[in-house]
Amino acid sequence: MKTRKLGTQGLQVSALGLGCMGMSEFYGPRDDAEAIATIHRAIELGVDFFDTADMYGPFTNERLVGRALAGRRKHVVIATKFGNVRGQDGAWLASVGGPTT
């Protein structure tokens, strides 16, 4: 798998990454077993760059990705987003661009 350099700190990631948003929400019903199998297969193929966010689900996608990467965490890079705030019921509460507590 080809790699790409991100930023100026020397971080290298696979040229192909896996966006995990649809594994928890937006594109139909969830299938955690299929999502975890997909993540495992991506790793087998050389993907080491995964994208998630706590707003997907909400609050379920990062947990799902965490379960899939258990025991493999030191071999991958996880990108996550922030600033979109959702409630436990999925309601959109706010968009923030600054530090939050």
PDB file of N, CA and C in Angstrom:
ATOM      1  N   MET A   1       0.850  -1.175   0.000  1.00  0.00           N
ATOM      2  CA  MET A   1       0.000   0.000   0.000  1.00  0.00           C
ATOM      3  C   MET A   1       0.895   1.237   0.000  1.00  0.00           C
ATOM      4  N   LYS A   2       0.630   2.156  -0.887  1.00  0.00           N
ATOM      5  CA  LYS A   2       1.350   3.416  -0.882  1.00  0.00           C
ATOM      6  C   LYS A   2       0.959   4.209   0.358  1.00  0.00           C
ATOM      7  N   THR A   3       1.826   5.116   0.753  1.00  0.00           N
ATOM      8  CA  THR A   3       1.549   5.944   1.920  1.00  0.00           C
ATOM      9  C   THR A   3       1.611   7.414   1.538  1.00  0.00           C
ATOM     10  N   ARG A   4       1.080   8.228   2.426  1.00  0.00           N
ATOM     11  CA  ARG A   4       1.096   9.678   2.274  1.00  0.00           C
ATOM     12  C   ARG A   4       1.568  10.292   3.590  1.00  0.00           C
ATOM     13  N   LYS A   5       2.316  11.360   3.462  1.00  0.00           N
ATOM     14  CA  LYS A   5       2.758  12.101   4.632  1.00  0.00           C
ATOM     15  C   LYS A   5       1.692  13.134   4.978  1.00  0.00           C
ATOM     16  N   LEU A   6       1.319  13.188   6.245  1.00  0.00           N
ATOM     17  CA  LEU A   6       0.364  14.181   6.728  1.00  0.00           C
ATOM     18  C   LEU A   6       1.086  15.179   7.621  1.00  0.00           C
ATOM     19  N   GLY A   7       0.895  16.443   7.341  1.00  0.00           N
ATOM     20  CA  GLY A   7       1.460  17.477   8.197  1.00  0.00           C
ATOM     21  C   GLY A   7       2.973  17.536   8.130  1.00  0.00           C
ATOM     22  N   THR A   8       3.558  18.129   9.161  1.00  0.00           N
ATOM     23  CA  THR A   8       5.004  18.345   9.205  1.00  0.00           C
ATOM     24  C   THR A   8       5.700  17.538  10.293  1.00  0.00           C
ATOM     25  N   GLN A   9       4.967  16.670  10.977  1.00  0.00           N
ATOM     26  CA  GLN A   9       5.536  15.906  12.086  1.00  0.00           C
ATOM     27  C   GLN A   9       6.028  14.525  11.681  1.00  0.00           C
ATOM     28  N   GLY A  10       5.913  14.188  10.394  1.00  0.00           N
ATOM     29  CA  GLY A  10       6.398  12.901   9.921  1.00  0.00           C
ATOM     30  C   GLY A  10       5.372  11.778   9.930  1.00  0.00           C
ATOM     31  N   LEU A  11       4.125  12.086  10.213  1.00  0.00           N
ATOM     32  CA  LEU A  11       3.083  11.060  10.229  1.00  0.00           C
ATOM     33  C   LEU A  11       2.859  10.514   8.818  1.00  0.00           C
ATOM     34  N   GLN A  12       2.921   9.201   8.680  1.00  0.00           N
ATOM     35  CA  GLN A  12       2.666   8.521   7.413  1.00  0.00           C
ATOM     36  C   GLN A  12       1.431   7.644   7.579  1.00  0.00           C
ATOM     37  N   VAL A  13       0.535   7.706   6.601  1.00  0.00           N
ATOM     38  CA  VAL A  13      -0.661   6.869   6.619  1.00  0.00           C
ATOM     39  C   VAL A  13      -0.840   6.233   5.245  1.00  0.00           C
ATOM     40  N   SER A  14      -1.656   5.202   5.190  1.00  0.00           N
ATOM     41  CA  SER A  14      -1.944   4.564   3.911  1.00  0.00           C
ATOM     42  C   SER A  14      -2.605   5.564   2.970  1.00  0.00           C
ATOM     43  N   ALA A  15      -2.306   5.438   1.686  1.00  0.00           N
ATOM     44  CA  ALA A  15      -2.886   6.343   0.686  1.00  0.00           C
ATOM     45  C   ALA A  15      -4.404   6.205   0.645  1.00  0.00           C
ATOM     46  N   LEU A  16      -4.898   5.035   0.950  1.00  0.00           N
ATOM     47  CA  LEU A  16      -6.342   4.815   1.068  1.00  0.00           C
ATOM     48  C   LEU A  16      -6.699   4.744   2.539  1.00  0.00           C
ATOM     49  N   GLY A  17      -7.749   5.430   2.903  1.00  0.00           N
ATOM     50  CA  GLY A  17      -8.262   5.366   4.263  1.00  0.00           C
ATOM     51  C   GLY A  17      -9.668   4.809   4.233  1.00  0.00           C
ATOM     52  N   LEU A  18     -10.214   4.560   5.399  1.00  0.00           N
ATOM     53  CA  LEU A  18     -11.584   4.064   5.492  1.00  0.00           C
ATOM     54  C   LEU A  18     -12.403   5.014   6.346  1.00  0.00           C
ATOM     55  N   GLY A  19     -13.392   5.631   5.730  1.00  0.00           N
ATOM     56  CA  GLY A  19     -14.340   6.456   6.450  1.00  0.00           C
ATOM     57  C   GLY A  19     -15.407   5.570   7.068  1.00  0.00           C
ATOM     58  N   CYS A  20     -15.603   5.698   8.356  1.00  0.00           N
ATOM     59  CA  CYS A  20     -16.477   4.763   9.084  1.00  0.00           C
ATOM     60  C   CYS A  20     -17.853   5.331   9.413  1.00  0.00           C
ATOM     61  N   MET A  21     -18.184   6.531   8.940  1.00  0.00           N
ATOM     62  CA  MET A  21     -19.450   7.187   9.268  1.00  0.00           C
ATOM     63  C   MET A  21     -20.663   6.287   8.995  1.00  0.00           C
ATOM     64  N   GLY A  22     -20.712   5.717   7.826  1.00  0.00           N
ATOM     65  CA  GLY A  22     -21.874   4.927   7.437  1.00  0.00           C
ATOM     66  C   GLY A  22     -22.039   3.633   8.198  1.00  0.00           C
ATOM     67  N   MET A  23     -21.072   3.278   9.005  1.00  0.00           N
ATOM     68  CA  MET A  23     -21.165   2.046   9.783  1.00  0.00           C
ATOM     69  C   MET A  23     -22.079   2.193  10.983  1.00  0.00           C
ATOM     70  N   SER A  24     -22.412   3.432  11.351  1.00  0.00           N
ATOM     71  CA  SER A  24     -23.252   3.658  12.524  1.00  0.00           C
ATOM     72  C   SER A  24     -24.518   4.446  12.233  1.00  0.00           C
ATOM     73  N   GLU A  25     -24.562   5.137  11.101  1.00  0.00           N
ATOM     74  CA  GLU A  25     -25.696   6.024  10.861  1.00  0.00           C
ATOM     75  C   GLU A  25     -25.695   6.471   9.399  1.00  0.00           C
ATOM     76  N   PHE A  26     -26.777   7.038   8.991  1.00  0.00           N
ATOM     77  CA  PHE A  26     -26.957   7.771   7.747  1.00  0.00           C
ATOM     78  C   PHE A  26     -27.330   6.934   6.527  1.00  0.00           C
ATOM     79  N   TYR A  27     -26.807   5.728   6.359  1.00  0.00           N
ATOM     80  CA  TYR A  27     -27.033   4.984   5.119  1.00  0.00           C
ATOM     81  C   TYR A  27     -27.852   3.715   5.306  1.00  0.00           C
ATOM     82  N   GLY A  28     -28.597   3.621   6.372  1.00  0.00           N
ATOM     83  CA  GLY A  28     -29.408   2.434   6.596  1.00  0.00           C
ATOM     84  C   GLY A  28     -29.111   1.827   7.949  1.00  0.00           C
ATOM     85  N   PRO A  29     -29.688   0.662   8.211  1.00  0.00           N
ATOM     86  CA  PRO A  29     -29.516   0.028   9.518  1.00  0.00           C
ATOM     87  C   PRO A  29     -28.063  -0.377   9.771  1.00  0.00           C
ATOM     88  N   ARG A  30     -27.716  -0.379  11.033  1.00  0.00           N
ATOM     89  CA  ARG A  30     -26.372  -0.779  11.454  1.00  0.00           C
ATOM     90  C   ARG A  30     -26.217  -2.285  11.407  1.00  0.00           C
ATOM     91  N   ASP A  31     -25.012  -2.708  11.108  1.00  0.00           N
ATOM     92  CA  ASP A  31     -24.641  -4.114  11.221  1.00  0.00           C
ATOM     93  C   ASP A  31     -23.216  -4.131  11.781  1.00  0.00           C
ATOM     94  N   ASP A  32     -23.122  -4.163  13.094  1.00  0.00           N
ATOM     95  CA  ASP A  32     -21.816  -4.058  13.737  1.00  0.00           C
ATOM     96  C   ASP A  32     -20.864  -5.166  13.312  1.00  0.00           C
ATOM     97  N   ALA A  33     -21.364  -6.385  13.163  1.00  0.00           N
ATOM     98  CA  ALA A  33     -20.492  -7.496  12.767  1.00  0.00           C
ATOM     99  C   ALA A  33     -19.909  -7.253  11.375  1.00  0.00           C
ATOM    100  N   GLU A  34     -20.724  -6.784  10.454  1.00  0.00           N
ATOM    101  CA  GLU A  34     -20.237  -6.487   9.099  1.00  0.00           C
ATOM    102  C   GLU A  34     -19.250  -5.318   9.123  1.00  0.00           C
ATOM    103  N   ALA A  35     -19.541  -4.303   9.918  1.00  0.00           N
ATOM    104  CA  ALA A  35     -18.647  -3.148  10.015  1.00  0.00           C
ATOM    105  C   ALA A  35     -17.284  -3.558  10.566  1.00  0.00           C
ATOM    106  N   ILE A  36     -17.276  -4.368  11.612  1.00  0.00           N
ATOM    107  CA  ILE A  36     -16.012  -4.821  12.192  1.00  0.00           C
ATOM    108  C   ILE A  36     -15.253  -5.693  11.201  1.00  0.00           C
ATOM    109  N   ALA A  37     -15.958  -6.566  10.483  1.00  0.00           N
ATOM    110  CA  ALA A  37     -15.307  -7.388   9.458  1.00  0.00           C
ATOM    111  C   ALA A  37     -14.710  -6.513   8.354  1.00  0.00           C
ATOM    112  N   THR A  38     -15.386  -5.439   8.001  1.00  0.00           N
ATOM    113  CA  THR A  38     -14.881  -4.514   6.983  1.00  0.00           C
ATOM    114  C   THR A  38     -13.604  -3.838   7.455  1.00  0.00           C
ATOM    115  N   ILE A  39     -13.589  -3.391   8.698  1.00  0.00           N
ATOM    116  CA  ILE A  39     -12.392  -2.759   9.258  1.00  0.00           C
ATOM    117  C   ILE A  39     -11.238  -3.752   9.300  1.00  0.00           C
ATOM    118  N   HIS A  40     -11.511  -4.980   9.719  1.00  0.00           N
ATOM    119  CA  HIS A  40     -10.460  -5.992   9.771  1.00  0.00           C
ATOM    120  C   HIS A  40      -9.915  -6.292   8.372  1.00  0.00           C
ATOM    121  N   ARG A  41     -10.795  -6.367   7.386  1.00  0.00           N
ATOM    122  CA  ARG A  41     -10.358  -6.626   6.012  1.00  0.00           C
ATOM    123  C   ARG A  41      -9.524  -5.461   5.482  1.00  0.00           C
ATOM    124  N   ALA A  42      -9.927  -4.243   5.798  1.00  0.00           N
ATOM    125  CA  ALA A  42      -9.152  -3.077   5.365  1.00  0.00           C
ATOM    126  C   ALA A  42      -7.727  -3.154   5.921  1.00  0.00           C
ATOM    127  N   ILE A  43      -7.597  -3.541   7.180  1.00  0.00           N
ATOM    128  CA  ILE A  43      -6.270  -3.680   7.787  1.00  0.00           C
ATOM    129  C   ILE A  43      -5.465  -4.753   7.056  1.00  0.00           C
ATOM    130  N   GLU A  44      -6.109  -5.878   6.759  1.00  0.00           N
ATOM    131  CA  GLU A  44      -5.432  -6.952   6.014  1.00  0.00           C
ATOM    132  C   GLU A  44      -4.912  -6.459   4.668  1.00  0.00           C
ATOM    133  N   LEU A  45      -5.623  -5.531   4.049  1.00  0.00           N
ATOM    134  CA  LEU A  45      -5.241  -4.998   2.742  1.00  0.00           C
ATOM    135  C   LEU A  45      -4.240  -3.851   2.833  1.00  0.00           C
ATOM    136  N   GLY A  46      -3.866  -3.458   4.053  1.00  0.00           N
ATOM    137  CA  GLY A  46      -2.851  -2.437   4.239  1.00  0.00           C
ATOM    138  C   GLY A  46      -3.360  -1.070   4.619  1.00  0.00           C
ATOM    139  N   VAL A  47      -4.660  -0.929   4.817  1.00  0.00           N
ATOM    140  CA  VAL A  47      -5.216   0.358   5.250  1.00  0.00           C
ATOM    141  C   VAL A  47      -4.883   0.544   6.721  1.00  0.00           C
ATOM    142  N   ASP A  48      -4.350   1.726   7.051  1.00  0.00           N
ATOM    143  CA  ASP A  48      -4.049   2.007   8.453  1.00  0.00           C
ATOM    144  C   ASP A  48      -4.584   3.376   8.887  1.00  0.00           C
ATOM    145  N   PHE A  49      -5.471   3.959   8.090  1.00  0.00           N
ATOM    146  CA  PHE A  49      -6.000   5.302   8.364  1.00  0.00           C
ATOM    147  C   PHE A  49      -7.522   5.220   8.394  1.00  0.00           C
ATOM    148  N   PHE A  50      -8.102   5.461   9.568  1.00  0.00           N
ATOM    149  CA  PHE A  50      -9.541   5.326   9.766  1.00  0.00           C
ATOM    150  C   PHE A  50     -10.117   6.641  10.252  1.00  0.00           C
ATOM    151  N   ASP A  51     -11.280   6.992   9.725  1.00  0.00           N
ATOM    152  CA  ASP A  51     -11.931   8.260  10.053  1.00  0.00           C
ATOM    153  C   ASP A  51     -13.248   7.991  10.762  1.00  0.00           C
ATOM    154  N   THR A  52     -13.474   8.681  11.876  1.00  0.00           N
ATOM    155  CA  THR A  52     -14.683   8.527  12.668  1.00  0.00           C
ATOM    156  C   THR A  52     -15.000   9.846  13.366  1.00  0.00           C
ATOM    157  N   ALA A  53     -16.061   9.883  14.108  1.00  0.00           N
ATOM    158  CA  ALA A  53     -16.405  11.041  14.938  1.00  0.00           C
ATOM    159  C   ALA A  53     -17.453  10.618  15.956  1.00  0.00           C
ATOM    160  N   ASP A  54     -17.438  11.291  17.110  1.00  0.00           N
ATOM    161  CA  ASP A  54     -18.410  10.934  18.148  1.00  0.00           C
ATOM    162  C   ASP A  54     -19.832  11.298  17.744  1.00  0.00           C
ATOM    163  N   MET A  55     -19.993  12.191  16.777  1.00  0.00           N
ATOM    164  CA  MET A  55     -21.337  12.582  16.349  1.00  0.00           C
ATOM    165  C   MET A  55     -22.022  11.510  15.503  1.00  0.00           C
ATOM    166  N   TYR A  56     -21.279  10.549  14.993  1.00  0.00           N
ATOM    167  CA  TYR A  56     -21.881   9.488  14.190  1.00  0.00           C
ATOM    168  C   TYR A  56     -22.520   8.474  15.131  1.00  0.00           C
ATOM    169  N   GLY A  57     -23.781   8.320  14.989  1.00  0.00           N
ATOM    170  CA  GLY A  57     -24.475   7.341  15.807  1.00  0.00           C
ATOM    171  C   GLY A  57     -25.670   7.890  16.550  1.00  0.00           C
ATOM    172  N   PRO A  58     -25.555   8.914  17.326  1.00  0.00           N
ATOM    173  CA  PRO A  58     -24.348   9.546  17.871  1.00  0.00           C
ATOM    174  C   PRO A  58     -23.705   8.703  18.965  1.00  0.00           C
ATOM    175  N   PHE A  59     -22.445   8.936  19.151  1.00  0.00           N
ATOM    176  CA  PHE A  59     -21.635   8.339  20.213  1.00  0.00           C
ATOM    177  C   PHE A  59     -21.372   6.849  20.032  1.00  0.00           C
ATOM    178  N   THR A  60     -21.765   6.272  18.914  1.00  0.00           N
ATOM    179  CA  THR A  60     -21.580   4.830  18.738  1.00  0.00           C
ATOM    180  C   THR A  60     -20.443   4.485  17.788  1.00  0.00           C
ATOM    181  N   ASN A  61     -20.119   5.376  16.853  1.00  0.00           N
ATOM    182  CA  ASN A  61     -19.124   5.030  15.848  1.00  0.00           C
ATOM    183  C   ASN A  61     -17.730   4.884  16.435  1.00  0.00           C
ATOM    184  N   GLU A  62     -17.333   5.791  17.302  1.00  0.00           N
ATOM    185  CA  GLU A  62     -16.005   5.667  17.894  1.00  0.00           C
ATOM    186  C   GLU A  62     -15.906   4.421  18.765  1.00  0.00           C
ATOM    187  N   ARG A  63     -16.991   4.047  19.416  1.00  0.00           N
ATOM    188  CA  ARG A  63     -16.987   2.800  20.198  1.00  0.00           C
ATOM    189  C   ARG A  63     -16.855   1.591  19.285  1.00  0.00           C
ATOM    190  N   LEU A  64     -17.578   1.611  18.172  1.00  0.00           N
ATOM    191  CA  LEU A  64     -17.510   0.522  17.197  1.00  0.00           C
ATOM    192  C   LEU A  64     -16.095   0.391  16.639  1.00  0.00           C
ATOM    193  N   VAL A  65     -15.521   1.495  16.201  1.00  0.00           N
ATOM    194  CA  VAL A  65     -14.163   1.476  15.661  1.00  0.00           C
ATOM    195  C   VAL A  65     -13.183   1.002  16.733  1.00  0.00           C
ATOM    196  N   GLY A  66     -13.384   1.434  17.961  1.00  0.00           N
ATOM    197  CA  GLY A  66     -12.533   0.989  19.063  1.00  0.00           C
ATOM    198  C   GLY A  66     -12.587  -0.518  19.266  1.00  0.00           C
ATOM    199  N   ARG A  67     -13.791  -1.090  19.197  1.00  0.00           N
ATOM    200  CA  ARG A  67     -13.925  -2.546  19.328  1.00  0.00           C
ATOM    201  C   ARG A  67     -13.201  -3.248  18.176  1.00  0.00           C
ATOM    202  N   ALA A  68     -13.366  -2.727  16.978  1.00  0.00           N
ATOM    203  CA  ALA A  68     -12.750  -3.354  15.803  1.00  0.00           C
ATOM    204  C   ALA A  68     -11.228  -3.278  15.859  1.00  0.00           C
ATOM    205  N   LEU A  69     -10.701  -2.225  16.449  1.00  0.00           N
ATOM    206  CA  LEU A  69      -9.255  -2.027  16.484  1.00  0.00           C
ATOM    207  C   LEU A  69      -8.596  -2.528  17.761  1.00  0.00           C
ATOM    208  N   ALA A  70      -9.374  -3.137  18.639  1.00  0.00           N
ATOM    209  CA  ALA A  70      -8.809  -3.670  19.890  1.00  0.00           C
ATOM    210  C   ALA A  70      -7.650  -4.608  19.562  1.00  0.00           C
ATOM    211  N   GLY A  71      -6.514  -4.368  20.199  1.00  0.00           N
ATOM    212  CA  GLY A  71      -5.330  -5.182  19.952  1.00  0.00           C
ATOM    213  C   GLY A  71      -4.541  -4.764  18.724  1.00  0.00           C
ATOM    214  N   ARG A  72      -5.090  -3.827  17.958  1.00  0.00           N
ATOM    215  CA  ARG A  72      -4.426  -3.365  16.739  1.00  0.00           C
ATOM    216  C   ARG A  72      -4.139  -1.864  16.789  1.00  0.00           C
ATOM    217  N   ARG A  73      -4.504  -1.213  17.869  1.00  0.00           N
ATOM    218  CA  ARG A  73      -4.476   0.246  17.936  1.00  0.00           C
ATOM    219  C   ARG A  73      -3.114   0.846  17.624  1.00  0.00           C
ATOM    220  N   LYS A  74      -2.046   0.214  18.051  1.00  0.00           N
ATOM    221  CA  LYS A  74      -0.730   0.805  17.819  1.00  0.00           C
ATOM    222  C   LYS A  74      -0.298   0.715  16.358  1.00  0.00           C
ATOM    223  N   HIS A  75      -1.083   0.042  15.518  1.00  0.00           N
ATOM    224  CA  HIS A  75      -0.740  -0.133  14.111  1.00  0.00           C
ATOM    225  C   HIS A  75      -1.558   0.749  13.177  1.00  0.00           C
ATOM    226  N   VAL A  76      -2.432   1.592  13.728  1.00  0.00           N
ATOM    227  CA  VAL A  76      -3.313   2.403  12.887  1.00  0.00           C
ATOM    228  C   VAL A  76      -3.330   3.854  13.347  1.00  0.00           C
ATOM    229  N   VAL A  77      -3.844   4.709  12.479  1.00  0.00           N
ATOM    230  CA  VAL A  77      -4.045   6.121  12.793  1.00  0.00           C
ATOM    231  C   VAL A  77      -5.543   6.384  12.699  1.00  0.00           C
ATOM    232  N   ILE A  78      -6.080   7.075  13.692  1.00  0.00           N
ATOM    233  CA  ILE A  78      -7.504   7.394  13.711  1.00  0.00           C
ATOM    234  C   ILE A  78      -7.674   8.900  13.597  1.00  0.00           C
ATOM    235  N   ALA A  79      -8.453   9.307  12.621  1.00  0.00           N
ATOM    236  CA  ALA A  79      -8.832  10.716  12.484  1.00  0.00           C
ATOM    237  C   ALA A  79     -10.229  10.863  13.065  1.00  0.00           C
ATOM    238  N   THR A  80     -10.463  11.936  13.768  1.00  0.00           N
ATOM    239  CA  THR A  80     -11.785  12.193  14.320  1.00  0.00           C
ATOM    240  C   THR A  80     -12.110  13.664  14.146  1.00  0.00           C
ATOM    241  N   LYS A  81     -13.377  13.965  14.181  1.00  0.00           N
ATOM    242  CA  LYS A  81     -13.831  15.340  14.012  1.00  0.00           C
ATOM    243  C   LYS A  81     -14.477  15.826  15.301  1.00  0.00           C
ATOM    244  N   PHE A  82     -14.599  17.120  15.385  1.00  0.00           N
ATOM    245  CA  PHE A  82     -15.237  17.714  16.551  1.00  0.00           C
ATOM    246  C   PHE A  82     -15.997  18.945  16.086  1.00  0.00           C
ATOM    247  N   GLY A  83     -16.811  19.476  16.953  1.00  0.00           N
ATOM    248  CA  GLY A  83     -17.518  20.721  16.661  1.00  0.00           C
ATOM    249  C   GLY A  83     -19.003  20.548  16.402  1.00  0.00           C
ATOM    250  N   ASN A  84     -19.430  19.375  15.995  1.00  0.00           N
ATOM    251  CA  ASN A  84     -20.859  19.114  15.837  1.00  0.00           C
ATOM    252  C   ASN A  84     -21.343  18.438  17.104  1.00  0.00           C
ATOM    253  N   VAL A  85     -22.270  19.075  17.781  1.00  0.00           N
ATOM    254  CA  VAL A  85     -22.726  18.579  19.075  1.00  0.00           C
ATOM    255  C   VAL A  85     -24.118  17.979  18.907  1.00  0.00           C
ATOM    256  N   ARG A  86     -24.262  16.736  19.338  1.00  0.00           N
ATOM    257  CA  ARG A  86     -25.544  16.045  19.260  1.00  0.00           C
ATOM    258  C   ARG A  86     -25.921  15.516  20.629  1.00  0.00           C
ATOM    259  N   GLY A  87     -27.209  15.378  20.840  1.00  0.00           N
ATOM    260  CA  GLY A  87     -27.711  14.798  22.072  1.00  0.00           C
ATOM    261  C   GLY A  87     -27.778  13.290  21.970  1.00  0.00           C
ATOM    262  N   GLN A  88     -28.025  12.631  23.091  1.00  0.00           N
ATOM    263  CA  GLN A  88     -28.142  11.177  23.121  1.00  0.00           C
ATOM    264  C   GLN A  88     -29.242  10.675  22.181  1.00  0.00           C
ATOM    265  N   ASP A  89     -30.270  11.507  21.972  1.00  0.00           N
ATOM    266  CA  ASP A  89     -31.376  11.110  21.104  1.00  0.00           C
ATOM    267  C   ASP A  89     -31.092  11.386  19.630  1.00  0.00           C
ATOM    268  N   GLY A  90     -29.900  11.891  19.313  1.00  0.00           N
ATOM    269  CA  GLY A  90     -29.525  12.177  17.937  1.00  0.00           C
ATOM    270  C   GLY A  90     -29.807  13.594  17.492  1.00  0.00           C
ATOM    271  N   ALA A  91     -30.457  14.383  18.333  1.00  0.00           N
ATOM    272  CA  ALA A  91     -30.790  15.766  17.970  1.00  0.00           C
ATOM    273  C   ALA A  91     -29.513  16.573  17.754  1.00  0.00           C
ATOM    274  N   TRP A  92     -29.549  17.461  16.755  1.00  0.00           N
ATOM    275  CA  TRP A  92     -28.438  18.375  16.500  1.00  0.00           C
ATOM    276  C   TRP A  92     -28.577  19.531  17.475  1.00  0.00           C
ATOM    277  N   LEU A  93     -27.580  19.728  18.318  1.00  0.00           N
ATOM    278  CA  LEU A  93     -27.649  20.748  19.362  1.00  0.00           C
ATOM    279  C   LEU A  93     -26.876  22.011  19.008  1.00  0.00           C
ATOM    280  N   ALA A  94     -25.735  21.869  18.374  1.00  0.00           N
ATOM    281  CA  ALA A  94     -24.919  23.048  18.087  1.00  0.00           C
ATOM    282  C   ALA A  94     -23.770  22.694  17.169  1.00  0.00           C
ATOM    283  N   SER A  95     -23.189  23.709  16.600  1.00  0.00           N
ATOM    284  CA  SER A  95     -21.899  23.602  15.902  1.00  0.00           C
ATOM    285  C   SER A  95     -20.976  24.592  16.565  1.00  0.00           C
ATOM    286  N   VAL A  96     -19.854  24.131  17.036  1.00  0.00           N
ATOM    287  CA  VAL A  96     -18.920  25.004  17.752  1.00  0.00           C
ATOM    288  C   VAL A  96     -17.544  24.888  17.115  1.00  0.00           C
ATOM    289  N   GLY A  97     -16.820  25.983  17.098  1.00  0.00           N
ATOM    290  CA  GLY A  97     -15.504  25.980  16.499  1.00  0.00           C
ATOM    291  C   GLY A  97     -14.390  26.235  17.479  1.00  0.00           C
ATOM    292  N   GLY A  98     -14.730  26.452  18.725  1.00  0.00           N
ATOM    293  CA  GLY A  98     -13.715  26.743  19.736  1.00  0.00           C
ATOM    294  C   GLY A  98     -13.620  25.638  20.753  1.00  0.00           C
ATOM    295  N   PRO A  99     -12.748  25.810  21.723  1.00  0.00           N
ATOM    296  CA  PRO A  99     -12.626  24.803  22.782  1.00  0.00           C
ATOM    297  C   PRO A  99     -13.923  24.646  23.556  1.00  0.00           C
ATOM    298  N   THR A 100     -14.227  23.419  23.951  1.00  0.00           N
ATOM    299  CA  THR A 100     -15.394  23.141  24.778  1.00  0.00           C
ATOM    300  C   THR A 100     -14.946  22.427  26.045  1.00  0.00           C
ATOM    301  N   THR A 101     -15.799  22.448  27.036  1.00  0.00           N
ATOM    302  CA  THR A 101     -15.471  21.749  28.277  1.00  0.00           C
ATOM    303  C   THR A 101     -16.360  20.543  28.441  1.00  0.00           C
TER     304      THR A 101
END
